[in-house]
Amino acid sequence: MAIPAMLMTWSSRMDDLHEQLMKEFRIYFTNYQQFAVERTMASAKRTRANLMQMIKLSQEMRQALLDTYKERHRRYSEKYRKGGVPRDKIRRRNLDT
């Protein structure tokens, strides 16, 4: 079974963002260790810059997840309106538990 192009693109995009985020976290960790020892203004500035970059990457990852949800929701709701998805096949959240 072939993976749809949208999912492949999403997966590679999320993988890239995750790799960037982990790389930035490793840099932040070393900079923070240096800041904890030195307590200089320069090391604090580097640490804050790393944190800001991590925030930007996290926001980008969050937006990618939201876009995927919106696209998936749109596709399934169109199928439902056209009668393509039977009611019993639509997964719903179990609110009783």
PDB file of N, CA and C in Angstrom:
ATOM      1  N   MET A   1       0.841  -1.180   0.000  1.00  0.00           N
ATOM      2  CA  MET A   1       0.000   0.000   0.000  1.00  0.00           C
ATOM      3  C   MET A   1       0.888   1.246   0.000  1.00  0.00           C
ATOM      4  N   ALA A   2       0.635   2.139  -0.914  1.00  0.00           N
ATOM      5  CA  ALA A   2       1.445   3.350  -1.047  1.00  0.00           C
ATOM      6  C   ALA A   2       1.008   4.401  -0.024  1.00  0.00           C
ATOM      7  N   ILE A   3       1.960   5.160   0.435  1.00  0.00           N
ATOM      8  CA  ILE A   3       1.682   6.250   1.371  1.00  0.00           C
ATOM      9  C   ILE A   3       1.235   7.467   0.567  1.00  0.00           C
ATOM     10  N   PRO A   4       0.110   8.081   0.937  1.00  0.00           N
ATOM     11  CA  PRO A   4      -0.341   9.278   0.209  1.00  0.00           C
ATOM     12  C   PRO A   4       0.714  10.377   0.254  1.00  0.00           C
ATOM     13  N   ALA A   5       0.762  11.159  -0.828  1.00  0.00           N
ATOM     14  CA  ALA A   5       1.775  12.215  -0.949  1.00  0.00           C
ATOM     15  C   ALA A   5       1.676  13.223   0.189  1.00  0.00           C
ATOM     16  N   MET A   6       0.442  13.553   0.608  1.00  0.00           N
ATOM     17  CA  MET A   6       0.271  14.537   1.670  1.00  0.00           C
ATOM     18  C   MET A   6       0.896  14.042   2.969  1.00  0.00           C
ATOM     19  N   LEU A   7       0.669  12.752   3.294  1.00  0.00           N
ATOM     20  CA  LEU A   7       1.230  12.216   4.528  1.00  0.00           C
ATOM     21  C   LEU A   7       2.739  12.119   4.454  1.00  0.00           C
ATOM     22  N   MET A   8       3.267  11.760   3.284  1.00  0.00           N
ATOM     23  CA  MET A   8       4.714  11.652   3.135  1.00  0.00           C
ATOM     24  C   MET A   8       5.344  13.034   3.319  1.00  0.00           C
ATOM     25  N   THR A   9       4.739  14.035   2.702  1.00  0.00           N
ATOM     26  CA  THR A   9       5.254  15.395   2.838  1.00  0.00           C
ATOM     27  C   THR A   9       5.174  15.841   4.293  1.00  0.00           C
ATOM     28  N   TRP A  10       4.043  15.569   4.939  1.00  0.00           N
ATOM     29  CA  TRP A  10       3.872  15.950   6.333  1.00  0.00           C
ATOM     30  C   TRP A  10       4.898  15.248   7.200  1.00  0.00           C
ATOM     31  N   SER A  11       5.076  13.964   6.950  1.00  0.00           N
ATOM     32  CA  SER A  11       6.006  13.181   7.763  1.00  0.00           C
ATOM     33  C   SER A  11       7.430  13.704   7.613  1.00  0.00           C
ATOM     34  N   SER A  12       7.847  13.970   6.389  1.00  0.00           N
ATOM     35  CA  SER A  12       9.204  14.474   6.192  1.00  0.00           C
ATOM     36  C   SER A  12       9.353  15.877   6.785  1.00  0.00           C
ATOM     37  N   ARG A  13       8.304  16.691   6.692  1.00  0.00           N
ATOM     38  CA  ARG A  13       8.346  18.031   7.275  1.00  0.00           C
ATOM     39  C   ARG A  13       8.475  17.940   8.799  1.00  0.00           C
ATOM     40  N   MET A  14       7.676  17.071   9.410  1.00  0.00           N
ATOM     41  CA  MET A  14       7.737  16.911  10.854  1.00  0.00           C
ATOM     42  C   MET A  14       9.075  16.313  11.282  1.00  0.00           C
ATOM     43  N   ASP A  15       9.588  15.373  10.505  1.00  0.00           N
ATOM     44  CA  ASP A  15      10.896  14.791  10.825  1.00  0.00           C
ATOM     45  C   ASP A  15      11.989  15.851  10.773  1.00  0.00           C
ATOM     46  N   ASP A  16      11.945  16.698   9.742  1.00  0.00           N
ATOM     47  CA  ASP A  16      12.931  17.766   9.628  1.00  0.00           C
ATOM     48  C   ASP A  16      12.838  18.740  10.808  1.00  0.00           C
ATOM     49  N   LEU A  17      11.613  19.122  11.136  1.00  0.00           N
ATOM     50  CA  LEU A  17      11.424  20.039  12.256  1.00  0.00           C
ATOM     51  C   LEU A  17      11.886  19.400  13.566  1.00  0.00           C
ATOM     52  N   HIS A  18      11.599  18.130  13.717  1.00  0.00           N
ATOM     53  CA  HIS A  18      12.013  17.442  14.941  1.00  0.00           C
ATOM     54  C   HIS A  18      13.536  17.374  15.037  1.00  0.00           C
ATOM     55  N   GLU A  19      14.184  17.073  13.919  1.00  0.00           N
ATOM     56  CA  GLU A  19      15.650  17.029  13.920  1.00  0.00           C
ATOM     57  C   GLU A  19      16.242  18.398  14.261  1.00  0.00           C
ATOM     58  N   GLN A  20      15.671  19.454  13.683  1.00  0.00           N
ATOM     59  CA  GLN A  20      16.150  20.805  13.968  1.00  0.00           C
ATOM     60  C   GLN A  20      15.958  21.146  15.447  1.00  0.00           C
ATOM     61  N   LEU A  21      14.798  20.770  15.972  1.00  0.00           N
ATOM     62  CA  LEU A  21      14.509  21.053  17.377  1.00  0.00           C
ATOM     63  C   LEU A  21      15.469  20.309  18.299  1.00  0.00           C
ATOM     64  N   MET A  22      15.743  19.050  18.001  1.00  0.00           N
ATOM     65  CA  MET A  22      16.665  18.281  18.838  1.00  0.00           C
ATOM     66  C   MET A  22      18.091  18.828  18.735  1.00  0.00           C
ATOM     67  N   LYS A  23      18.476  19.243  17.538  1.00  0.00           N
ATOM     68  CA  LYS A  23      19.799  19.833  17.363  1.00  0.00           C
ATOM     69  C   LYS A  23      19.915  21.121  18.189  1.00  0.00           C
ATOM     70  N   GLU A  24      18.874  21.931  18.114  1.00  0.00           N
ATOM     71  CA  GLU A  24      18.868  23.189  18.869  1.00  0.00           C
ATOM     72  C   GLU A  24      18.868  22.917  20.372  1.00  0.00           C
ATOM     73  N   PHE A  25      18.172  21.862  20.800  1.00  0.00           N
ATOM     74  CA  PHE A  25      18.160  21.525  22.224  1.00  0.00           C
ATOM     75  C   PHE A  25      19.547  21.106  22.706  1.00  0.00           C
ATOM     76  N   ARG A  26      20.260  20.333  21.885  1.00  0.00           N
ATOM     77  CA  ARG A  26      21.616  19.926  22.268  1.00  0.00           C
ATOM     78  C   ARG A  26      22.531  21.145  22.417  1.00  0.00           C
ATOM     79  N   ILE A  27      22.396  22.090  21.494  1.00  0.00           N
ATOM     80  CA  ILE A  27      23.193  23.319  21.574  1.00  0.00           C
ATOM     81  C   ILE A  27      22.808  24.107  22.827  1.00  0.00           C
ATOM     82  N   TYR A  28      21.506  24.209  23.076  1.00  0.00           N
ATOM     83  CA  TYR A  28      21.027  24.906  24.266  1.00  0.00           C
ATOM     84  C   TYR A  28      21.588  24.257  25.526  1.00  0.00           C
ATOM     85  N   PHE A  29      21.584  22.930  25.566  1.00  0.00           N
ATOM     86  CA  PHE A  29      22.058  22.231  26.763  1.00  0.00           C
ATOM     87  C   PHE A  29      23.519  22.552  27.057  1.00  0.00           C
ATOM     88  N   THR A  30      24.348  22.536  26.016  1.00  0.00           N
ATOM     89  CA  THR A  30      25.764  22.856  26.236  1.00  0.00           C
ATOM     90  C   THR A  30      25.925  24.327  26.629  1.00  0.00           C
ATOM     91  N   ASN A  31      25.164  25.216  25.989  1.00  0.00           N
ATOM     92  CA  ASN A  31      25.243  26.637  26.350  1.00  0.00           C
ATOM     93  C   ASN A  31      24.760  26.879  27.772  1.00  0.00           C
ATOM     94  N   TYR A  32      23.719  26.163  28.182  1.00  0.00           N
ATOM     95  CA  TYR A  32      23.221  26.347  29.544  1.00  0.00           C
ATOM     96  C   TYR A  32      24.236  25.841  30.570  1.00  0.00           C
ATOM     97  N   GLN A  33      24.875  24.720  30.272  1.00  0.00           N
ATOM     98  CA  GLN A  33      25.904  24.232  31.187  1.00  0.00           C
ATOM     99  C   GLN A  33      27.026  25.261  31.334  1.00  0.00           C
ATOM    100  N   GLN A  34      27.375  25.872  30.204  1.00  0.00           N
ATOM    101  CA  GLN A  34      28.405  26.906  30.241  1.00  0.00           C
ATOM    102  C   GLN A  34      27.915  28.109  31.054  1.00  0.00           C
ATOM    103  N   PHE A  35      26.661  28.482  30.869  1.00  0.00           N
ATOM    104  CA  PHE A  35      26.088  29.598  31.620  1.00  0.00           C
ATOM    105  C   PHE A  35      26.057  29.287  33.119  1.00  0.00           C
ATOM    106  N   ALA A  36      25.716  28.063  33.481  1.00  0.00           N
ATOM    107  CA  ALA A  36      25.643  27.684  34.894  1.00  0.00           C
ATOM    108  C   ALA A  36      27.000  27.799  35.579  1.00  0.00           C
ATOM    109  N   VAL A  37      28.060  27.568  34.810  1.00  0.00           N
ATOM    110  CA  VAL A  37      29.404  27.654  35.387  1.00  0.00           C
ATOM    111  C   VAL A  37      29.900  29.098  35.392  1.00  0.00           C
ATOM    112  N   GLU A  38      29.776  29.768  34.245  1.00  0.00           N
ATOM    113  CA  GLU A  38      30.372  31.102  34.086  1.00  0.00           C
ATOM    114  C   GLU A  38      29.507  32.237  34.625  1.00  0.00           C
ATOM    115  N   ARG A  39      28.198  32.164  34.385  1.00  0.00           N
ATOM    116  CA  ARG A  39      27.258  33.235  34.746  1.00  0.00           C
ATOM    117  C   ARG A  39      27.647  34.566  34.113  1.00  0.00           C
ATOM    118  N   THR A  40      28.031  34.516  32.824  1.00  0.00           N
ATOM    119  CA  THR A  40      28.374  35.750  32.119  1.00  0.00           C
ATOM    120  C   THR A  40      27.196  36.211  31.275  1.00  0.00           C
ATOM    121  N   MET A  41      27.244  37.464  30.887  1.00  0.00           N
ATOM    122  CA  MET A  41      26.188  38.031  30.057  1.00  0.00           C
ATOM    123  C   MET A  41      26.165  37.372  28.674  1.00  0.00           C
ATOM    124  N   ALA A  42      27.329  37.090  28.131  1.00  0.00           N
ATOM    125  CA  ALA A  42      27.410  36.479  26.799  1.00  0.00           C
ATOM    126  C   ALA A  42      26.812  35.073  26.800  1.00  0.00           C
ATOM    127  N   SER A  43      27.101  34.294  27.835  1.00  0.00           N
ATOM    128  CA  SER A  43      26.544  32.935  27.881  1.00  0.00           C
ATOM    129  C   SER A  43      25.031  32.978  28.108  1.00  0.00           C
ATOM    130  N   ALA A  44      24.560  33.960  28.861  1.00  0.00           N
ATOM    131  CA  ALA A  44      23.120  34.119  29.064  1.00  0.00           C
ATOM    132  C   ALA A  44      22.435  34.489  27.752  1.00  0.00           C
ATOM    133  N   LYS A  45      23.065  35.341  26.978  1.00  0.00           N
ATOM    134  CA  LYS A  45      22.505  35.769  25.697  1.00  0.00           C
ATOM    135  C   LYS A  45      22.419  34.585  24.725  1.00  0.00           C
ATOM    136  N   ARG A  46      23.473  33.764  24.693  1.00  0.00           N
ATOM    137  CA  ARG A  46      23.452  32.569  23.828  1.00  0.00           C
ATOM    138  C   ARG A  46      22.336  31.609  24.252  1.00  0.00           C
ATOM    139  N   THR A  47      22.181  31.436  25.542  1.00  0.00           N
ATOM    140  CA  THR A  47      21.150  30.533  26.053  1.00  0.00           C
ATOM    141  C   THR A  47      19.758  31.043  25.702  1.00  0.00           C
ATOM    142  N   ARG A  48      19.532  32.333  25.870  1.00  0.00           N
ATOM    143  CA  ARG A  48      18.230  32.912  25.513  1.00  0.00           C
ATOM    144  C   ARG A  48      17.957  32.805  24.028  1.00  0.00           C
ATOM    145  N   ALA A  49      18.985  32.985  23.205  1.00  0.00           N
ATOM    146  CA  ALA A  49      18.820  32.862  21.754  1.00  0.00           C
ATOM    147  C   ALA A  49      18.423  31.430  21.381  1.00  0.00           C
ATOM    148  N   ASN A  50      19.040  30.456  22.045  1.00  0.00           N
ATOM    149  CA  ASN A  50      18.672  29.059  21.795  1.00  0.00           C
ATOM    150  C   ASN A  50      17.231  28.790  22.204  1.00  0.00           C
ATOM    151  N   LEU A  51      16.834  29.317  23.343  1.00  0.00           N
ATOM    152  CA  LEU A  51      15.451  29.127  23.790  1.00  0.00           C
ATOM    153  C   LEU A  51      14.461  29.745  22.801  1.00  0.00           C
ATOM    154  N   MET A  52      14.782  30.915  22.285  1.00  0.00           N
ATOM    155  CA  MET A  52      13.898  31.570  21.323  1.00  0.00           C
ATOM    156  C   MET A  52      13.781  30.740  20.039  1.00  0.00           C
ATOM    157  N   GLN A  53      14.894  30.197  19.589  1.00  0.00           N
ATOM    158  CA  GLN A  53      14.873  29.357  18.384  1.00  0.00           C
ATOM    159  C   GLN A  53      14.049  28.095  18.630  1.00  0.00           C
ATOM    160  N   MET A  54      14.169  27.530  19.815  1.00  0.00           N
ATOM    161  CA  MET A  54      13.372  26.343  20.144  1.00  0.00           C
ATOM    162  C   MET A  54      11.884  26.672  20.169  1.00  0.00           C
ATOM    163  N   ILE A  55      11.535  27.850  20.670  1.00  0.00           N
ATOM    164  CA  ILE A  55      10.135  28.270  20.687  1.00  0.00           C
ATOM    165  C   ILE A  55       9.613  28.408  19.262  1.00  0.00           C
ATOM    166  N   LYS A  56      10.400  29.022  18.389  1.00  0.00           N
ATOM    167  CA  LYS A  56       9.971  29.199  16.991  1.00  0.00           C
ATOM    168  C   LYS A  56       9.765  27.851  16.307  1.00  0.00           C
ATOM    169  N   LEU A  57      10.676  26.927  16.513  1.00  0.00           N
ATOM    170  CA  LEU A  57      10.538  25.598  15.917  1.00  0.00           C
ATOM    171  C   LEU A  57       9.322  24.862  16.481  1.00  0.00           C
ATOM    172  N   SER A  58       9.086  25.006  17.770  1.00  0.00           N
ATOM    173  CA  SER A  58       7.920  24.365  18.388  1.00  0.00           C
ATOM    174  C   SER A  58       6.619  24.931  17.833  1.00  0.00           C
ATOM    175  N   GLN A  59       6.589  26.235  17.631  1.00  0.00           N
ATOM    176  CA  GLN A  59       5.393  26.850  17.058  1.00  0.00           C
ATOM    177  C   GLN A  59       5.161  26.382  15.626  1.00  0.00           C
ATOM    178  N   GLU A  60       6.245  26.229  14.871  1.00  0.00           N
ATOM    179  CA  GLU A  60       6.133  25.740  13.497  1.00  0.00           C
ATOM    180  C   GLU A  60       5.627  24.295  13.476  1.00  0.00           C
ATOM    181  N   MET A  61       6.111  23.474  14.399  1.00  0.00           N
ATOM    182  CA  MET A  61       5.633  22.092  14.500  1.00  0.00           C
ATOM    183  C   MET A  61       4.157  22.059  14.887  1.00  0.00           C
ATOM    184  N   ARG A  62       3.759  22.926  15.799  1.00  0.00           N
ATOM    185  CA  ARG A  62       2.361  22.989  16.215  1.00  0.00           C
ATOM    186  C   ARG A  62       1.469  23.380  15.040  1.00  0.00           C
ATOM    187  N   GLN A  63       1.919  24.339  14.244  1.00  0.00           N
ATOM    188  CA  GLN A  63       1.140  24.769  13.093  1.00  0.00           C
ATOM    189  C   GLN A  63       1.021  23.644  12.064  1.00  0.00           C
ATOM    190  N   ALA A  64       2.089  22.880  11.880  1.00  0.00           N
ATOM    191  CA  ALA A  64       2.040  21.750  10.946  1.00  0.00           C
ATOM    192  C   ALA A  64       1.025  20.712  11.409  1.00  0.00           C
ATOM    193  N   LEU A  65       0.970  20.472  12.715  1.00  0.00           N
ATOM    194  CA  LEU A  65      -0.012  19.527  13.245  1.00  0.00           C
ATOM    195  C   LEU A  65      -1.434  20.046  13.054  1.00  0.00           C
ATOM    196  N   LEU A  66      -1.642  21.328  13.318  1.00  0.00           N
ATOM    197  CA  LEU A  66      -2.976  21.905  13.132  1.00  0.00           C
ATOM    198  C   LEU A  66      -3.407  21.865  11.677  1.00  0.00           C
ATOM    199  N   ASP A  67      -2.493  22.169  10.763  1.00  0.00           N
ATOM    200  CA  ASP A  67      -2.817  22.133   9.334  1.00  0.00           C
ATOM    201  C   ASP A  67      -3.205  20.730   8.902  1.00  0.00           C
ATOM    202  N   THR A  68      -2.493  19.732   9.411  1.00  0.00           N
ATOM    203  CA  THR A  68      -2.807  18.351   9.076  1.00  0.00           C
ATOM    204  C   THR A  68      -4.183  17.969   9.590  1.00  0.00           C
ATOM    205  N   TYR A  69      -4.491  18.369  10.814  1.00  0.00           N
ATOM    206  CA  TYR A  69      -5.803  18.061  11.371  1.00  0.00           C
ATOM    207  C   TYR A  69      -6.906  18.713  10.547  1.00  0.00           C
ATOM    208  N   LYS A  70      -6.714  19.982  10.178  1.00  0.00           N
ATOM    209  CA  LYS A  70      -7.734  20.689   9.400  1.00  0.00           C
ATOM    210  C   LYS A  70      -7.954  20.012   8.055  1.00  0.00           C
ATOM    211  N   GLU A  71      -6.869  19.608   7.396  1.00  0.00           N
ATOM    212  CA  GLU A  71      -6.980  18.947   6.098  1.00  0.00           C
ATOM    213  C   GLU A  71      -7.693  17.602   6.237  1.00  0.00           C
ATOM    214  N   ARG A  72      -7.304  16.836   7.233  1.00  0.00           N
ATOM    215  CA  ARG A  72      -7.918  15.528   7.431  1.00  0.00           C
ATOM    216  C   ARG A  72      -9.402  15.689   7.769  1.00  0.00           C
ATOM    217  N   HIS A  73      -9.721  16.635   8.641  1.00  0.00           N
ATOM    218  CA  HIS A  73     -11.102  16.877   9.016  1.00  0.00           C
ATOM    219  C   HIS A  73     -11.926  17.309   7.802  1.00  0.00           C
ATOM    220  N   ARG A  74     -11.362  18.157   6.960  1.00  0.00           N
ATOM    221  CA  ARG A  74     -12.074  18.620   5.772  1.00  0.00           C
ATOM    222  C   ARG A  74     -12.366  17.460   4.830  1.00  0.00           C
ATOM    223  N   ARG A  75     -11.356  16.588   4.623  1.00  0.00           N
ATOM    224  CA  ARG A  75     -11.556  15.465   3.706  1.00  0.00           C
ATOM    225  C   ARG A  75     -12.635  14.520   4.217  1.00  0.00           C
ATOM    226  N   TYR A  76     -12.604  14.208   5.511  1.00  0.00           N
ATOM    227  CA  TYR A  76     -13.593  13.275   6.035  1.00  0.00           C
ATOM    228  C   TYR A  76     -14.979  13.890   6.090  1.00  0.00           C
ATOM    229  N   SER A  77     -15.088  15.174   6.382  1.00  0.00           N
ATOM    230  CA  SER A  77     -16.402  15.788   6.437  1.00  0.00           C
ATOM    231  C   SER A  77     -17.013  15.883   5.034  1.00  0.00           C
ATOM    232  N   GLU A  78     -16.182  16.094   4.002  1.00  0.00           N
ATOM    233  CA  GLU A  78     -16.704  16.095   2.631  1.00  0.00           C
ATOM    234  C   GLU A  78     -17.229  14.717   2.253  1.00  0.00           C
ATOM    235  N   LYS A  79     -16.504  13.670   2.616  1.00  0.00           N
ATOM    236  CA  LYS A  79     -16.961  12.312   2.327  1.00  0.00           C
ATOM    237  C   LYS A  79     -18.277  12.033   3.044  1.00  0.00           C
ATOM    238  N   TYR A  80     -18.357  12.478   4.276  1.00  0.00           N
ATOM    239  CA  TYR A  80     -19.568  12.237   5.053  1.00  0.00           C
ATOM    240  C   TYR A  80     -20.757  12.943   4.416  1.00  0.00           C
ATOM    241  N   ARG A  81     -20.569  14.186   4.004  1.00  0.00           N
ATOM    242  CA  ARG A  81     -21.662  14.934   3.380  1.00  0.00           C
ATOM    243  C   ARG A  81     -22.108  14.295   2.081  1.00  0.00           C
ATOM    244  N   LYS A  82     -21.180  13.691   1.348  1.00  0.00           N
ATOM    245  CA  LYS A  82     -21.525  13.045   0.083  1.00  0.00           C
ATOM    246  C   LYS A  82     -22.090  11.640   0.295  1.00  0.00           C
ATOM    247  N   GLY A  83     -22.061  11.175   1.524  1.00  0.00           N
ATOM    248  CA  GLY A  83     -22.570   9.840   1.811  1.00  0.00           C
ATOM    249  C   GLY A  83     -21.520   8.759   1.631  1.00  0.00           C
ATOM    250  N   GLY A  84     -20.241   9.143   1.572  1.00  0.00           N
ATOM    251  CA  GLY A  84     -19.183   8.179   1.325  1.00  0.00           C
ATOM    252  C   GLY A  84     -18.699   7.442   2.560  1.00  0.00           C
ATOM    253  N   VAL A  85     -18.968   7.984   3.724  1.00  0.00           N
ATOM    254  CA  VAL A  85     -18.517   7.341   4.955  1.00  0.00           C
ATOM    255  C   VAL A  85     -19.751   6.959   5.764  1.00  0.00           C
ATOM    256  N   PRO A  86     -19.976   5.656   5.982  1.00  0.00           N
ATOM    257  CA  PRO A  86     -21.138   5.250   6.787  1.00  0.00           C
ATOM    258  C   PRO A  86     -21.000   5.750   8.220  1.00  0.00           C
ATOM    259  N   ARG A  87     -22.127   6.016   8.851  1.00  0.00           N
ATOM    260  CA  ARG A  87     -22.132   6.560  10.210  1.00  0.00           C
ATOM    261  C   ARG A  87     -21.371   5.678  11.194  1.00  0.00           C
ATOM    262  N   ASP A  88     -21.483   4.368  11.066  1.00  0.00           N
ATOM    263  CA  ASP A  88     -20.825   3.482  12.023  1.00  0.00           C
ATOM    264  C   ASP A  88     -19.316   3.420  11.818  1.00  0.00           C
ATOM    265  N   LYS A  89     -18.791   3.937  10.703  1.00  0.00           N
ATOM    266  CA  LYS A  89     -17.353   3.942  10.442  1.00  0.00           C
ATOM    267  C   LYS A  89     -16.665   5.204  10.964  1.00  0.00           C
ATOM    268  N   ILE A  90     -17.435   6.184  11.367  1.00  0.00           N
ATOM    269  CA  ILE A  90     -16.862   7.428  11.875  1.00  0.00           C
ATOM    270  C   ILE A  90     -16.504   7.215  13.336  1.00  0.00           C
ATOM    271  N   ARG A  91     -15.221   7.411  13.651  1.00  0.00           N
ATOM    272  CA  ARG A  91     -14.776   7.232  15.029  1.00  0.00           C
ATOM    273  C   ARG A  91     -15.167   8.443  15.846  1.00  0.00           C
ATOM    274  N   ARG A  92     -15.743   8.188  16.984  1.00  0.00           N
ATOM    275  CA  ARG A  92     -16.121   9.261  17.889  1.00  0.00           C
ATOM    276  C   ARG A  92     -15.459   9.032  19.237  1.00  0.00           C
ATOM    277  N   ARG A  93     -15.300  10.093  19.941  1.00  0.00           N
ATOM    278  CA  ARG A  93     -14.720  10.008  21.277  1.00  0.00           C
ATOM    279  C   ARG A  93     -15.735   9.402  22.226  1.00  0.00           C
ATOM    280  N   ASN A  94     -15.308   8.444  23.028  1.00  0.00           N
ATOM    281  CA  ASN A  94     -16.195   7.841  23.998  1.00  0.00           C
ATOM    282  C   ASN A  94     -16.264   8.745  25.220  1.00  0.00           C
ATOM    283  N   LEU A  95     -17.369   9.392  25.423  1.00  0.00           N
ATOM    284  CA  LEU A  95     -17.508  10.355  26.500  1.00  0.00           C
ATOM    285  C   LEU A  95     -17.935   9.721  27.814  1.00  0.00           C
ATOM    286  N   ASP A  96     -18.279   8.425  27.784  1.00  0.00           N
ATOM    287  CA  ASP A  96     -18.743   7.754  28.997  1.00  0.00           C
ATOM    288  C   ASP A  96     -17.587   7.406  29.929  1.00  0.00           C
ATOM    289  N   THR A  97     -16.365   7.247  29.373  1.00  0.00           N
ATOM    290  CA  THR A  97     -15.244   6.817  30.221  1.00  0.00           C
ATOM    291  C   THR A  97     -14.469   7.984  30.744  1.00  0.00           C
TER     292      THR A  97
END
